[in-house]
Every structure is written in structure tokens, then in C-alpha cells.
Amino acid sequence: MLKALFDDKKEAGIARELGISRHTVRTYMLRLHGKLRVNSRAALVTAILGQFLTAVVRRNSSLPPICARRAEGGCPFQQ
């Protein structure tokens, strides 16, 4: 669902792609808005990106680095 959100697909397109109802997509989106305390689609995308970047830069993260220079200590996203 997040990939479709980042691809700027509308609720109907997301529902069709995932084989679920538009109502289910809307419910999930509303829950994401609530959990991340945002009130627009743009703010939701920004909040998700922020959460992802925070998770990626943590040491011993299982997520792949977003910067090829991380191992050398040259990544600007390291804490």
C-alpha cells in the first residue's frame, strides 16, 4: 500500500492493485494518518520518509543503507 501511495495512486487504484475494497484502503490510510498525526497525503508521505530515514541511519539496522558511502563513514545521513 505504501508503494502505491508513493506512486501517487488513488484509493481505487490501490484497492484494485491489492485486490481489496476501497473502503479497506481508506480505513488503512486514515489509521496511518492518525498514527503519524498528519492531516494530508503530502504530510503522510513526508512522515513515512522521515521514519524510514531514522530507521536506516541507526547502527545495526537490518535495512539496507541509503548511502553507498555509509561503510566508509562518509554518509551525510549517519547519526
PDB file of N, CA and C in Angstrom:
ATOM      1  N   MET A   1       0.819  -1.175   0.000  1.00  0.00           N
ATOM      2  CA  MET A   1       0.000   0.000   0.000  1.00  0.00           C
ATOM      3  C   MET A   1       0.874   1.253   0.000  1.00  0.00           C
ATOM      4  N   LEU A   2       1.963   1.229   0.748  1.00  0.00           N
ATOM      5  CA  LEU A   2       2.841   2.394   0.782  1.00  0.00           C
ATOM      6  C   LEU A   2       3.487   2.655  -0.569  1.00  0.00           C
ATOM      7  N   LYS A   3       3.884   1.598  -1.254  1.00  0.00           N
ATOM      8  CA  LYS A   3       4.480   1.781  -2.585  1.00  0.00           C
ATOM      9  C   LYS A   3       3.478   2.456  -3.506  1.00  0.00           C
ATOM     10  N   ALA A   4       2.249   2.024  -3.463  1.00  0.00           N
ATOM     11  CA  ALA A   4       1.215   2.637  -4.297  1.00  0.00           C
ATOM     12  C   ALA A   4       0.981   4.087  -3.891  1.00  0.00           C
ATOM     13  N   LEU A   5       1.052   4.367  -2.599  1.00  0.00           N
ATOM     14  CA  LEU A   5       0.924   5.735  -2.116  1.00  0.00           C
ATOM     15  C   LEU A   5       2.045   6.598  -2.681  1.00  0.00           C
ATOM     16  N   PHE A   6       3.268   6.083  -2.646  1.00  0.00           N
ATOM     17  CA  PHE A   6       4.412   6.816  -3.177  1.00  0.00           C
ATOM     18  C   PHE A   6       4.355   6.941  -4.696  1.00  0.00           C
ATOM     19  N   ASP A   7       3.665   6.021  -5.341  1.00  0.00           N
ATOM     20  CA  ASP A   7       3.467   6.097  -6.794  1.00  0.00           C
ATOM     21  C   ASP A   7       2.300   7.016  -7.151  1.00  0.00           C
ATOM     22  N   ASP A   8       1.721   7.675  -6.151  1.00  0.00           N
ATOM     23  CA  ASP A   8       0.617   8.632  -6.299  1.00  0.00           C
ATOM     24  C   ASP A   8      -0.647   8.003  -6.868  1.00  0.00           C
ATOM     25  N   LYS A   9      -0.881   6.746  -6.514  1.00  0.00           N
ATOM     26  CA  LYS A   9      -2.114   6.091  -6.947  1.00  0.00           C
ATOM     27  C   LYS A   9      -3.247   6.502  -6.020  1.00  0.00           C
ATOM     28  N   LYS A  10      -4.419   6.592  -6.566  1.00  0.00           N
ATOM     29  CA  LYS A  10      -5.614   6.933  -5.797  1.00  0.00           C
ATOM     30  C   LYS A  10      -6.143   5.688  -5.101  1.00  0.00           C
ATOM     31  N   GLU A  11      -7.069   5.887  -4.170  1.00  0.00           N
ATOM     32  CA  GLU A  11      -7.602   4.769  -3.387  1.00  0.00           C
ATOM     33  C   GLU A  11      -8.158   3.657  -4.269  1.00  0.00           C
ATOM     34  N   ALA A  12      -8.877   4.019  -5.323  1.00  0.00           N
ATOM     35  CA  ALA A  12      -9.458   2.993  -6.200  1.00  0.00           C
ATOM     36  C   ALA A  12      -8.366   2.173  -6.875  1.00  0.00           C
ATOM     37  N   GLY A  13      -7.304   2.821  -7.326  1.00  0.00           N
ATOM     38  CA  GLY A  13      -6.201   2.119  -7.972  1.00  0.00           C
ATOM     39  C   GLY A  13      -5.461   1.213  -7.008  1.00  0.00           C
ATOM     40  N   ILE A  14      -5.271   1.694  -5.776  1.00  0.00           N
ATOM     41  CA  ILE A  14      -4.607   0.873  -4.751  1.00  0.00           C
ATOM     42  C   ILE A  14      -5.460  -0.355  -4.449  1.00  0.00           C
ATOM     43  N   ALA A  15      -6.764  -0.139  -4.297  1.00  0.00           N
ATOM     44  CA  ALA A  15      -7.671  -1.249  -4.000  1.00  0.00           C
ATOM     45  C   ALA A  15      -7.643  -2.286  -5.113  1.00  0.00           C
ATOM     46  N   ARG A  16      -7.704  -1.821  -6.349  1.00  0.00           N
ATOM     47  CA  ARG A  16      -7.682  -2.728  -7.499  1.00  0.00           C
ATOM     48  C   ARG A  16      -6.366  -3.515  -7.535  1.00  0.00           C
ATOM     49  N   GLU A  17      -5.254  -2.819  -7.322  1.00  0.00           N
ATOM     50  CA  GLU A  17      -3.941  -3.458  -7.371  1.00  0.00           C
ATOM     51  C   GLU A  17      -3.770  -4.515  -6.280  1.00  0.00           C
ATOM     52  N   LEU A  18      -4.312  -4.245  -5.100  1.00  0.00           N
ATOM     53  CA  LEU A  18      -4.155  -5.169  -3.976  1.00  0.00           C
ATOM     54  C   LEU A  18      -5.301  -6.175  -3.841  1.00  0.00           C
ATOM     55  N   GLY A  19      -6.348  -5.979  -4.636  1.00  0.00           N
ATOM     56  CA  GLY A  19      -7.486  -6.898  -4.571  1.00  0.00           C
ATOM     57  C   GLY A  19      -8.295  -6.749  -3.293  1.00  0.00           C
ATOM     58  N   ILE A  20      -8.370  -5.518  -2.792  1.00  0.00           N
ATOM     59  CA  ILE A  20      -9.154  -5.239  -1.596  1.00  0.00           C
ATOM     60  C   ILE A  20     -10.138  -4.118  -1.925  1.00  0.00           C
ATOM     61  N   SER A  21     -11.048  -3.846  -1.009  1.00  0.00           N
ATOM     62  CA  SER A  21     -12.048  -2.812  -1.272  1.00  0.00           C
ATOM     63  C   SER A  21     -11.481  -1.415  -1.055  1.00  0.00           C
ATOM     64  N   ARG A  22     -12.107  -0.430  -1.695  1.00  0.00           N
ATOM     65  CA  ARG A  22     -11.718   0.973  -1.493  1.00  0.00           C
ATOM     66  C   ARG A  22     -11.907   1.366  -0.033  1.00  0.00           C
ATOM     67  N   HIS A  23     -12.930   0.806   0.574  1.00  0.00           N
ATOM     68  CA  HIS A  23     -13.202   1.105   1.986  1.00  0.00           C
ATOM     69  C   HIS A  23     -12.028   0.645   2.862  1.00  0.00           C
ATOM     70  N   THR A  24     -11.484  -0.525   2.576  1.00  0.00           N
ATOM     71  CA  THR A  24     -10.344  -1.038   3.336  1.00  0.00           C
ATOM     72  C   THR A  24      -9.134  -0.128   3.155  1.00  0.00           C
ATOM     73  N   VAL A  25      -8.883   0.290   1.931  1.00  0.00           N
ATOM     74  CA  VAL A  25      -7.770   1.202   1.668  1.00  0.00           C
ATOM     75  C   VAL A  25      -7.970   2.497   2.446  1.00  0.00           C
ATOM     76  N   ARG A  26      -9.153   3.039   2.392  1.00  0.00           N
ATOM     77  CA  ARG A  26      -9.445   4.290   3.113  1.00  0.00           C
ATOM     78  C   ARG A  26      -9.233   4.120   4.610  1.00  0.00           C
ATOM     79  N   THR A  27      -9.694   3.005   5.164  1.00  0.00           N
ATOM     80  CA  THR A  27      -9.519   2.735   6.591  1.00  0.00           C
ATOM     81  C   THR A  27      -8.038   2.692   6.952  1.00  0.00           C
ATOM     82  N   TYR A  28      -7.243   1.981   6.157  1.00  0.00           N
ATOM     83  CA  TYR A  28      -5.805   1.892   6.423  1.00  0.00           C
ATOM     84  C   TYR A  28      -5.145   3.270   6.344  1.00  0.00           C
ATOM     85  N   MET A  29      -5.526   4.050   5.343  1.00  0.00           N
ATOM     86  CA  MET A  29      -4.944   5.387   5.185  1.00  0.00           C
ATOM     87  C   MET A  29      -5.311   6.279   6.378  1.00  0.00           C
ATOM     88  N   LEU A  30      -6.569   6.214   6.808  1.00  0.00           N
ATOM     89  CA  LEU A  30      -6.983   7.012   7.961  1.00  0.00           C
ATOM     90  C   LEU A  30      -6.230   6.603   9.218  1.00  0.00           C
ATOM     91  N   ARG A  31      -6.003   5.324   9.378  1.00  0.00           N
ATOM     92  CA  ARG A  31      -5.236   4.849  10.540  1.00  0.00           C
ATOM     93  C   ARG A  31      -3.793   5.334  10.486  1.00  0.00           C
ATOM     94  N   LEU A  32      -3.194   5.295   9.286  1.00  0.00           N
ATOM     95  CA  LEU A  32      -1.830   5.826   9.136  1.00  0.00           C
ATOM     96  C   LEU A  32      -1.787   7.311   9.476  1.00  0.00           C
ATOM     97  N   HIS A  33      -2.769   8.062   8.980  1.00  0.00           N
ATOM     98  CA  HIS A  33      -2.835   9.491   9.293  1.00  0.00           C
ATOM     99  C   HIS A  33      -2.894   9.699  10.806  1.00  0.00           C
ATOM    100  N   GLY A  34      -3.708   8.909  11.475  1.00  0.00           N
ATOM    101  CA  GLY A  34      -3.848   9.034  12.926  1.00  0.00           C
ATOM    102  C   GLY A  34      -2.579   8.666  13.672  1.00  0.00           C
ATOM    103  N   LYS A  35      -1.977   7.563  13.299  1.00  0.00           N
ATOM    104  CA  LYS A  35      -0.767   7.107  13.992  1.00  0.00           C
ATOM    105  C   LYS A  35       0.402   8.061  13.804  1.00  0.00           C
ATOM    106  N   LEU A  36       0.500   8.646  12.625  1.00  0.00           N
ATOM    107  CA  LEU A  36       1.605   9.565  12.346  1.00  0.00           C
ATOM    108  C   LEU A  36       1.218  11.028  12.605  1.00  0.00           C
ATOM    109  N   ARG A  37      -0.020  11.236  13.038  1.00  0.00           N
ATOM    110  CA  ARG A  37      -0.525  12.566  13.399  1.00  0.00           C
ATOM    111  C   ARG A  37      -0.341  13.583  12.272  1.00  0.00           C
ATOM    112  N   VAL A  38      -0.863  13.225  11.120  1.00  0.00           N
ATOM    113  CA  VAL A  38      -0.820  14.113   9.957  1.00  0.00           C
ATOM    114  C   VAL A  38      -2.236  14.271   9.414  1.00  0.00           C
ATOM    115  N   ASN A  39      -2.433  15.296   8.581  1.00  0.00           N
ATOM    116  CA  ASN A  39      -3.787  15.521   8.066  1.00  0.00           C
ATOM    117  C   ASN A  39      -3.834  15.698   6.553  1.00  0.00           C
ATOM    118  N   SER A  40      -2.767  15.335   5.859  1.00  0.00           N
ATOM    119  CA  SER A  40      -2.791  15.399   4.408  1.00  0.00           C
ATOM    120  C   SER A  40      -1.935  14.279   3.835  1.00  0.00           C
ATOM    121  N   ARG A  41      -2.156  14.003   2.577  1.00  0.00           N
ATOM    122  CA  ARG A  41      -1.390  12.950   1.900  1.00  0.00           C
ATOM    123  C   ARG A  41       0.092  13.327   1.816  1.00  0.00           C
ATOM    124  N   ALA A  42       0.368  14.588   1.532  1.00  0.00           N
ATOM    125  CA  ALA A  42       1.762  15.051   1.452  1.00  0.00           C
ATOM    126  C   ALA A  42       2.454  14.922   2.805  1.00  0.00           C
ATOM    127  N   ALA A  43       1.761  15.288   3.876  1.00  0.00           N
ATOM    128  CA  ALA A  43       2.338  15.159   5.214  1.00  0.00           C
ATOM    129  C   ALA A  43       2.550  13.689   5.575  1.00  0.00           C
ATOM    130  N   LEU A  44       1.661  12.821   5.121  1.00  0.00           N
ATOM    131  CA  LEU A  44       1.803  11.388   5.367  1.00  0.00           C
ATOM    132  C   LEU A  44       3.063  10.857   4.691  1.00  0.00           C
ATOM    133  N   VAL A  45       3.269  11.200   3.430  1.00  0.00           N
ATOM    134  CA  VAL A  45       4.451  10.761   2.699  1.00  0.00           C
ATOM    135  C   VAL A  45       5.722  11.275   3.378  1.00  0.00           C
ATOM    136  N   THR A  46       5.709  12.550   3.774  1.00  0.00           N
ATOM    137  CA  THR A  46       6.865  13.140   4.450  1.00  0.00           C
ATOM    138  C   THR A  46       7.149  12.426   5.768  1.00  0.00           C
ATOM    139  N   ALA A  47       6.119  12.136   6.540  1.00  0.00           N
ATOM    140  CA  ALA A  47       6.296  11.451   7.820  1.00  0.00           C
ATOM    141  C   ALA A  47       6.834  10.035   7.621  1.00  0.00           C
ATOM    142  N   ILE A  48       6.337   9.334   6.624  1.00  0.00           N
ATOM    143  CA  ILE A  48       6.820   7.976   6.346  1.00  0.00           C
ATOM    144  C   ILE A  48       8.288   8.015   5.937  1.00  0.00           C
ATOM    145  N   LEU A  49       8.651   8.957   5.087  1.00  0.00           N
ATOM    146  CA  LEU A  49      10.056   9.093   4.691  1.00  0.00           C
ATOM    147  C   LEU A  49      10.938   9.405   5.894  1.00  0.00           C
ATOM    148  N   GLY A  50      10.469  10.277   6.758  1.00  0.00           N
ATOM    149  CA  GLY A  50      11.228  10.606   7.968  1.00  0.00           C
ATOM    150  C   GLY A  50      11.440   9.395   8.856  1.00  0.00           C
ATOM    151  N   GLN A  51      10.386   8.597   9.032  1.00  0.00           N
ATOM    152  CA  GLN A  51      10.504   7.372   9.837  1.00  0.00           C
ATOM    153  C   GLN A  51      11.480   6.397   9.207  1.00  0.00           C
ATOM    154  N   PHE A  52      11.420   6.266   7.882  1.00  0.00           N
ATOM    155  CA  PHE A  52      12.320   5.357   7.174  1.00  0.00           C
ATOM    156  C   PHE A  52      13.767   5.817   7.321  1.00  0.00           C
ATOM    157  N   LEU A  53      14.012   7.105   7.110  1.00  0.00           N
ATOM    158  CA  LEU A  53      15.382   7.610   7.217  1.00  0.00           C
ATOM    159  C   LEU A  53      15.931   7.436   8.622  1.00  0.00           C
ATOM    160  N   THR A  54      15.098   7.646   9.618  1.00  0.00           N
ATOM    161  CA  THR A  54      15.519   7.444  11.002  1.00  0.00           C
ATOM    162  C   THR A  54      15.901   5.981  11.233  1.00  0.00           C
ATOM    163  N   ALA A  55      15.115   5.055  10.706  1.00  0.00           N
ATOM    164  CA  ALA A  55      15.396   3.627  10.882  1.00  0.00           C
ATOM    165  C   ALA A  55      16.659   3.202  10.136  1.00  0.00           C
ATOM    166  N   VAL A  56      16.883   3.759   8.961  1.00  0.00           N
ATOM    167  CA  VAL A  56      18.018   3.360   8.133  1.00  0.00           C
ATOM    168  C   VAL A  56      19.347   3.817   8.722  1.00  0.00           C
ATOM    169  N   VAL A  57      19.372   4.988   9.331  1.00  0.00           N
ATOM    170  CA  VAL A  57      20.644   5.511   9.822  1.00  0.00           C
ATOM    171  C   VAL A  57      21.046   4.935  11.168  1.00  0.00           C
ATOM    172  N   ARG A  58      20.176   4.224  11.823  1.00  0.00           N
ATOM    173  CA  ARG A  58      20.542   3.597  13.101  1.00  0.00           C
ATOM    174  C   ARG A  58      21.615   2.542  12.877  1.00  0.00           C
ATOM    175  N   ARG A  59      22.540   2.513  13.772  1.00  0.00           N
ATOM    176  CA  ARG A  59      23.581   1.479  13.711  1.00  0.00           C
ATOM    177  C   ARG A  59      22.935   0.109  13.892  1.00  0.00           C
ATOM    178  N   ASN A  60      23.484  -0.889  13.247  1.00  0.00           N
ATOM    179  CA  ASN A  60      22.987  -2.269  13.312  1.00  0.00           C
ATOM    180  C   ASN A  60      21.579  -2.412  12.747  1.00  0.00           C
ATOM    181  N   SER A  61      21.168  -1.493  11.885  1.00  0.00           N
ATOM    182  CA  SER A  61      19.856  -1.597  11.252  1.00  0.00           C
ATOM    183  C   SER A  61      19.878  -2.726  10.229  1.00  0.00           C
ATOM    184  N   SER A  62      18.779  -3.455  10.148  1.00  0.00           N
ATOM    185  CA  SER A  62      18.692  -4.525   9.153  1.00  0.00           C
ATOM    186  C   SER A  62      18.295  -3.971   7.783  1.00  0.00           C
ATOM    187  N   LEU A  63      17.945  -2.694   7.730  1.00  0.00           N
ATOM    188  CA  LEU A  63      17.593  -2.073   6.455  1.00  0.00           C
ATOM    189  C   LEU A  63      18.857  -1.736   5.677  1.00  0.00           C
ATOM    190  N   PRO A  64      18.805  -1.839   4.362  1.00  0.00           N
ATOM    191  CA  PRO A  64      19.992  -1.501   3.571  1.00  0.00           C
ATOM    192  C   PRO A  64      20.289  -0.007   3.672  1.00  0.00           C
ATOM    193  N   PRO A  65      21.550   0.369   3.638  1.00  0.00           N
ATOM    194  CA  PRO A  65      21.889   1.787   3.734  1.00  0.00           C
ATOM    195  C   PRO A  65      21.381   2.555   2.516  1.00  0.00           C
ATOM    196  N   ILE A  66      21.036   3.823   2.729  1.00  0.00           N
ATOM    197  CA  ILE A  66      20.584   4.645   1.617  1.00  0.00           C
ATOM    198  C   ILE A  66      21.758   5.364   0.965  1.00  0.00           C
ATOM    199  N   CYS A  67      22.919   5.223   1.556  1.00  0.00           N
ATOM    200  CA  CYS A  67      24.100   5.910   1.056  1.00  0.00           C
ATOM    201  C   CYS A  67      25.210   4.885   0.832  1.00  0.00           C
ATOM    202  N   ALA A  68      25.756   4.863  -0.349  1.00  0.00           N
ATOM    203  CA  ALA A  68      26.806   3.898  -0.674  1.00  0.00           C
ATOM    204  C   ALA A  68      28.070   4.132   0.138  1.00  0.00           C
ATOM    205  N   ARG A  69      28.242   5.334   0.678  1.00  0.00           N
ATOM    206  CA  ARG A  69      29.455   5.655   1.434  1.00  0.00           C
ATOM    207  C   ARG A  69      29.288   5.428   2.934  1.00  0.00           C
ATOM    208  N   ARG A  70      28.233   4.767   3.344  1.00  0.00           N
ATOM    209  CA  ARG A  70      27.981   4.566   4.774  1.00  0.00           C
ATOM    210  C   ARG A  70      29.098   3.772   5.442  1.00  0.00           C
ATOM    211  N   ALA A  71      29.557   2.700   4.806  1.00  0.00           N
ATOM    212  CA  ALA A  71      30.583   1.855   5.399  1.00  0.00           C
ATOM    213  C   ALA A  71      31.883   2.630   5.624  1.00  0.00           C
ATOM    214  N   GLU A  72      32.166   3.598   4.795  1.00  0.00           N
ATOM    215  CA  GLU A  72      33.390   4.397   4.907  1.00  0.00           C
ATOM    216  C   GLU A  72      33.238   5.544   5.914  1.00  0.00           C
ATOM    217  N   GLY A  73      32.032   5.724   6.427  1.00  0.00           N
ATOM    218  CA  GLY A  73      31.776   6.830   7.330  1.00  0.00           C
ATOM    219  C   GLY A  73      31.544   8.141   6.618  1.00  0.00           C
ATOM    220  N   GLY A  74      31.311   8.094   5.303  1.00  0.00           N
ATOM    221  CA  GLY A  74      31.135   9.317   4.540  1.00  0.00           C
ATOM    222  C   GLY A  74      29.701   9.642   4.192  1.00  0.00           C
ATOM    223  N   CYS A  75      28.767   8.977   4.807  1.00  0.00           N
ATOM    224  CA  CYS A  75      27.353   9.214   4.506  1.00  0.00           C
ATOM    225  C   CYS A  75      26.826  10.382   5.338  1.00  0.00           C
ATOM    226  N   PRO A  76      26.235  11.379   4.697  1.00  0.00           N
ATOM    227  CA  PRO A  76      25.723  12.517   5.449  1.00  0.00           C
ATOM    228  C   PRO A  76      24.500  12.193   6.299  1.00  0.00           C
ATOM    229  N   PHE A  77      23.929  11.021   6.134  1.00  0.00           N
ATOM    230  CA  PHE A  77      22.728  10.653   6.880  1.00  0.00           C
ATOM    231  C   PHE A  77      23.044   9.889   8.154  1.00  0.00           C
ATOM    232  N   GLN A  78      24.307   9.685   8.479  1.00  0.00           N
ATOM    233  CA  GLN A  78      24.649   8.957   9.694  1.00  0.00           C
ATOM    234  C   GLN A  78      24.471   9.861  10.905  1.00  0.00           C
ATOM    235  N   GLN A  79      24.120   9.229  12.010  1.00  0.00           N
ATOM    236  CA  GLN A  79      23.973   9.996  13.260  1.00  0.00           C
ATOM    237  C   GLN A  79      25.312  10.125  13.938  1.00  0.00           C
TER     238      GLN A  79
END
